[in-house]
Amino acid sequence: MGEIARAVERISARIREAARRCGRNPEEITLVAASKGVGLDRVREAAEAGIQIFGENRVQEARAKFLESRFLEENKSAAVHLIGPLQTNKVKQAVGFFSLIHSIDSVRLAEKVAQEAEKRRITQPVLIEVNVGEETTKRGISIKEAPALIAQVRKLAPLSLKGLMTLPPPTPEPEGARPYFSMLRRLGEDLGLNRFSMGMSADFEVAVEEGATWVRIGTAIFGERKKEQK
């Protein structure tokens, strides 16, 4: 068993244990392997270890790695999520390629995605990104403005709103993220949404305890990020 396979096994066990602690079914939680900057060979190794969902931050990198390489053609059960910001000039390349876009944070972006999906006659699954920490350096809609954006997205027929996403402020200990995860969950519950993309390598167990349905894990699977060749 290789290094990545062992890492996936360890993380999966920790997800199951975190789910057990809070009485959740671990099958409700999807491990998204955050593969920004990770070369194709290591992505293939992760797929062989059972990873089916990969999360990418950049549209062009994702398309080169997963589409142009024919990875998705060779791995029919695999899918790619966009977990980084989506610029409006990249919408055409993103819609229909990503099985889930985690980062809708404005009406303008939502409308652009909906227009492209309508042109293609497809439904594009999306999440609303919420800036729970109200950090000026991060993207995401504020909690105060989120209900209005959610209402608008629900009116856009080509979009399928699946839930909410957040990236909390950095904290010295995993427990420090709990209030932010809880805040997102309560917001979702108030608005009839119960699926949440939250939690990364340092705090995913806390996120699971607070209701995460997607956890985005990069470093704990692939090690510290470094620039790799495709």
Protein backbone atom coordinates (compact mmCIF):
# COMPACT_ATOMS: atom_id res chain seq x y z
CA MET A 1 0.00 0.00 0.00
CA GLY A 2 1.39 3.38 -1.03
CA GLU A 3 1.64 6.59 0.95
CA ILE A 4 -1.50 8.14 -0.54
CA ALA A 5 -3.53 4.95 -0.06
CA ARG A 6 -2.51 4.83 3.60
CA ALA A 7 -3.46 8.50 4.02
CA VAL A 8 -6.88 7.93 2.45
CA GLU A 9 -7.45 4.94 4.72
CA ARG A 10 -6.52 6.97 7.83
CA ILE A 11 -8.72 9.92 6.88
CA SER A 12 -11.68 7.69 6.04
CA ALA A 13 -11.35 6.03 9.45
CA ARG A 14 -11.28 9.42 11.17
CA ILE A 15 -14.38 10.52 9.27
CA ARG A 16 -16.19 7.35 10.35
CA GLU A 17 -15.16 7.89 13.97
CA ALA A 18 -16.24 11.55 13.94
CA ALA A 19 -19.58 10.53 12.47
CA ARG A 20 -20.00 7.84 15.12
CA ARG A 21 -19.36 10.35 17.91
CA CYS A 22 -22.26 12.52 16.80
CA GLY A 23 -24.63 9.76 15.72
CA ARG A 24 -24.31 10.37 11.98
CA ASN A 25 -24.15 7.89 9.13
CA PRO A 26 -20.63 8.14 7.65
CA GLU A 27 -22.09 7.35 4.24
CA GLU A 28 -23.55 10.88 4.27
CA ILE A 29 -20.06 12.38 4.15
CA THR A 30 -18.06 12.64 0.92
CA LEU A 31 -14.29 12.98 0.93
CA VAL A 32 -13.23 15.51 -1.69
CA ALA A 33 -9.51 15.27 -2.46
CA ALA A 34 -8.25 18.83 -2.93
CA SER A 35 -5.79 18.32 -5.77
CA LYS A 36 -4.63 21.86 -6.63
CA GLY A 37 -0.99 21.68 -7.71
CA VAL A 38 -0.97 17.87 -7.52
CA GLY A 39 0.37 16.03 -10.54
CA LEU A 40 -1.64 13.52 -12.54
CA ASP A 41 0.35 10.50 -11.32
CA ARG A 42 -0.58 11.27 -7.71
CA VAL A 43 -4.18 11.93 -8.69
CA ARG A 44 -4.26 8.49 -10.32
CA GLU A 45 -2.82 7.00 -7.14
CA ALA A 46 -5.59 8.64 -5.11
CA ALA A 47 -8.21 7.27 -7.50
CA GLU A 48 -6.75 3.79 -7.10
CA ALA A 49 -7.06 4.28 -3.32
CA GLY A 50 -10.79 4.86 -3.70
CA ILE A 51 -11.07 8.63 -4.14
CA GLN A 52 -13.88 9.46 -6.55
CA ILE A 53 -14.26 13.22 -6.10
CA PHE A 54 -11.43 15.67 -6.73
CA GLY A 55 -11.60 19.36 -5.86
CA GLU A 56 -9.78 21.94 -7.92
CA ASN A 57 -9.26 25.68 -7.43
CA ARG A 58 -8.54 26.75 -10.99
CA VAL A 59 -10.63 26.01 -14.06
CA GLN A 60 -7.76 25.74 -16.53
CA GLU A 61 -5.64 23.50 -14.32
CA ALA A 62 -8.62 21.24 -13.70
CA ARG A 63 -9.50 20.89 -17.38
CA ALA A 64 -5.90 20.12 -18.33
CA LYS A 65 -5.48 17.59 -15.55
CA PHE A 66 -8.78 15.76 -15.79
CA LEU A 67 -10.22 16.38 -19.26
CA GLU A 68 -7.34 16.84 -21.68
CA SER A 69 -5.47 13.95 -20.03
CA ARG A 70 -8.57 11.75 -20.56
CA PHE A 71 -8.54 10.90 -16.86
CA LEU A 72 -12.34 11.22 -16.60
CA GLU A 73 -12.79 9.07 -19.69
CA GLU A 74 -10.61 6.38 -18.10
CA ASN A 75 -12.21 6.72 -14.64
CA LYS A 76 -15.95 6.73 -15.24
CA SER A 77 -16.87 6.98 -11.55
CA ALA A 78 -14.64 10.01 -10.93
CA ALA A 79 -15.86 13.61 -10.86
CA VAL A 80 -14.34 17.04 -10.35
CA HIS A 81 -15.69 19.82 -8.12
CA LEU A 82 -14.69 23.47 -8.31
CA ILE A 83 -13.79 24.43 -4.74
CA GLY A 84 -11.99 27.69 -5.56
CA PRO A 85 -13.41 30.99 -6.79
CA LEU A 86 -15.05 31.16 -10.20
CA GLN A 87 -14.34 34.22 -12.33
CA THR A 88 -17.11 35.24 -14.71
CA ASN A 89 -14.75 34.93 -17.70
CA LYS A 90 -14.22 31.25 -16.85
CA VAL A 91 -17.89 30.34 -16.56
CA LYS A 92 -18.13 28.89 -20.07
CA GLN A 93 -15.27 26.47 -19.36
CA ALA A 94 -16.62 25.54 -15.93
CA VAL A 95 -20.28 24.81 -16.59
CA GLY A 96 -20.90 21.20 -17.48
CA PHE A 97 -17.33 20.20 -16.65
CA PHE A 98 -17.53 20.47 -12.86
CA SER A 99 -20.14 18.18 -11.35
CA LEU A 100 -20.51 20.68 -8.49
CA ILE A 101 -19.46 24.33 -8.21
CA HIS A 102 -18.91 25.17 -4.53
CA SER A 103 -18.30 28.90 -4.91
CA ILE A 104 -21.35 30.86 -6.07
CA ASP A 105 -21.18 34.11 -4.12
CA SER A 106 -23.16 36.71 -6.08
CA VAL A 107 -26.32 37.09 -8.13
CA ARG A 108 -24.22 38.17 -11.12
CA LEU A 109 -22.13 35.00 -11.03
CA ALA A 110 -25.19 32.81 -10.48
CA GLU A 111 -26.92 34.38 -13.48
CA LYS A 112 -23.84 33.87 -15.68
CA VAL A 113 -23.66 30.20 -14.70
CA ALA A 114 -27.40 29.79 -15.27
CA GLN A 115 -27.19 31.41 -18.72
CA GLU A 116 -24.39 29.08 -19.77
CA ALA A 117 -26.21 26.03 -18.40
CA GLU A 118 -29.35 27.06 -20.29
CA LYS A 119 -27.38 27.36 -23.53
CA ARG A 120 -26.10 23.84 -23.01
CA ARG A 121 -29.53 22.57 -21.92
CA ILE A 122 -28.14 21.13 -18.72
CA THR A 123 -28.69 21.60 -15.00
CA GLN A 124 -25.61 22.78 -13.10
CA PRO A 125 -25.38 21.78 -9.42
CA VAL A 126 -24.03 24.57 -7.21
CA LEU A 127 -23.34 25.59 -3.62
CA ILE A 128 -23.52 29.09 -2.17
CA GLU A 129 -20.22 30.17 -0.60
CA VAL A 130 -20.78 32.00 2.69
CA ASN A 131 -18.09 34.12 4.34
CA VAL A 132 -19.01 33.16 7.91
CA GLY A 133 -16.05 35.01 9.41
CA GLU A 134 -16.88 38.23 7.54
CA GLU A 135 -13.23 38.36 6.43
CA THR A 136 -12.46 41.13 3.94
CA THR A 137 -9.69 39.04 2.35
CA LYS A 138 -12.03 36.15 1.47
CA ARG A 139 -14.76 35.71 -1.08
CA GLY A 140 -18.23 34.59 -0.16
CA ILE A 141 -21.55 36.22 0.60
CA SER A 142 -22.10 37.52 4.11
CA ILE A 143 -24.47 35.66 6.42
CA LYS A 144 -26.76 38.70 6.42
CA GLU A 145 -26.97 38.78 2.61
CA ALA A 146 -27.04 34.99 2.09
CA PRO A 147 -30.84 34.51 2.36
CA ALA A 148 -31.47 36.95 -0.51
CA LEU A 149 -28.85 35.28 -2.72
CA ILE A 150 -30.23 31.84 -1.94
CA ALA A 151 -33.73 33.01 -2.89
CA GLN A 152 -32.42 34.36 -6.21
CA VAL A 153 -30.48 31.19 -7.02
CA ARG A 154 -33.56 29.09 -6.34
CA LYS A 155 -35.38 31.04 -9.05
CA LEU A 156 -32.77 30.17 -11.68
CA ALA A 157 -34.11 26.98 -13.23
CA PRO A 158 -30.81 25.82 -14.84
CA LEU A 159 -29.17 25.76 -11.40
CA SER A 160 -29.65 23.05 -8.79
CA LEU A 161 -28.84 24.47 -5.35
CA LYS A 162 -27.37 21.64 -3.28
CA GLY A 163 -26.26 23.46 -0.13
CA LEU A 164 -23.73 25.86 1.37
CA MET A 165 -19.95 26.10 1.53
CA THR A 166 -17.59 27.96 3.84
CA LEU A 167 -13.94 28.44 4.68
CA PRO A 168 -13.69 29.70 8.28
CA PRO A 169 -10.99 32.05 9.57
CA PRO A 170 -7.73 30.33 10.54
CA THR A 171 -7.65 29.21 14.16
CA PRO A 172 -4.78 27.75 16.24
CA GLU A 173 -6.83 24.68 17.18
CA PRO A 174 -9.50 22.72 15.25
CA GLU A 175 -12.10 23.51 17.93
CA GLY A 176 -11.77 27.17 17.04
CA ALA A 177 -13.55 26.47 13.75
CA ARG A 178 -16.60 24.91 15.42
CA PRO A 179 -18.60 28.14 15.93
CA TYR A 180 -18.22 28.98 12.24
CA PHE A 181 -19.28 25.52 11.07
CA SER A 182 -22.22 25.65 13.46
CA MET A 183 -23.16 29.08 12.11
CA LEU A 184 -23.27 27.74 8.54
CA ARG A 185 -25.33 24.73 9.57
CA ARG A 186 -27.87 26.89 11.41
CA LEU A 187 -28.14 29.22 8.42
CA GLY A 188 -28.78 26.27 6.14
CA GLU A 189 -31.33 24.71 8.44
CA ASP A 190 -33.21 28.01 8.66
CA LEU A 191 -33.38 28.14 4.86
CA GLY A 192 -34.17 24.49 4.16
CA LEU A 193 -30.65 23.43 3.18
CA ASN A 194 -28.93 20.54 4.94
CA ARG A 195 -25.81 19.82 2.90
CA PHE A 196 -22.57 21.59 3.70
CA SER A 197 -19.08 21.79 2.20
CA MET A 198 -16.85 22.60 5.16
CA GLY A 199 -13.75 21.27 6.85
CA MET A 200 -10.22 20.76 5.57
CA SER A 201 -7.16 18.79 6.68
CA ALA A 202 -6.79 20.57 10.04
CA ASP A 203 -10.43 20.63 11.15
CA PHE A 204 -12.51 18.14 9.16
CA GLU A 205 -13.48 16.05 12.19
CA VAL A 206 -15.03 19.09 13.87
CA ALA A 207 -16.79 19.89 10.57
CA VAL A 208 -18.24 16.37 10.44
CA GLU A 209 -19.53 16.76 13.99
CA GLU A 210 -21.21 20.01 12.91
CA GLY A 211 -22.92 18.51 9.87
CA ALA A 212 -20.45 18.57 6.96
CA THR A 213 -21.48 16.47 3.97
CA TRP A 214 -18.36 17.28 1.90
CA VAL A 215 -14.91 17.67 3.48
CA ARG A 216 -12.14 19.11 1.30
CA ILE A 217 -8.86 17.39 2.15
CA GLY A 218 -5.58 18.19 0.41
CA THR A 219 -2.50 18.21 2.64
CA ALA A 220 -3.57 15.19 4.70
CA ILE A 221 -3.79 13.13 1.50
CA PHE A 222 -1.07 14.51 -0.75
CA GLY A 223 1.30 16.13 1.75
CA GLU A 224 2.41 19.75 1.74
CA ARG A 225 1.56 21.34 -1.57
CA LYS A 226 4.34 21.93 -4.06
CA LYS A 227 4.32 22.68 -7.72
CA GLU A 228 4.28 19.45 -9.71
CA GLN A 229 4.34 18.63 -13.36
CA LYS A 230 1.18 17.25 -14.90
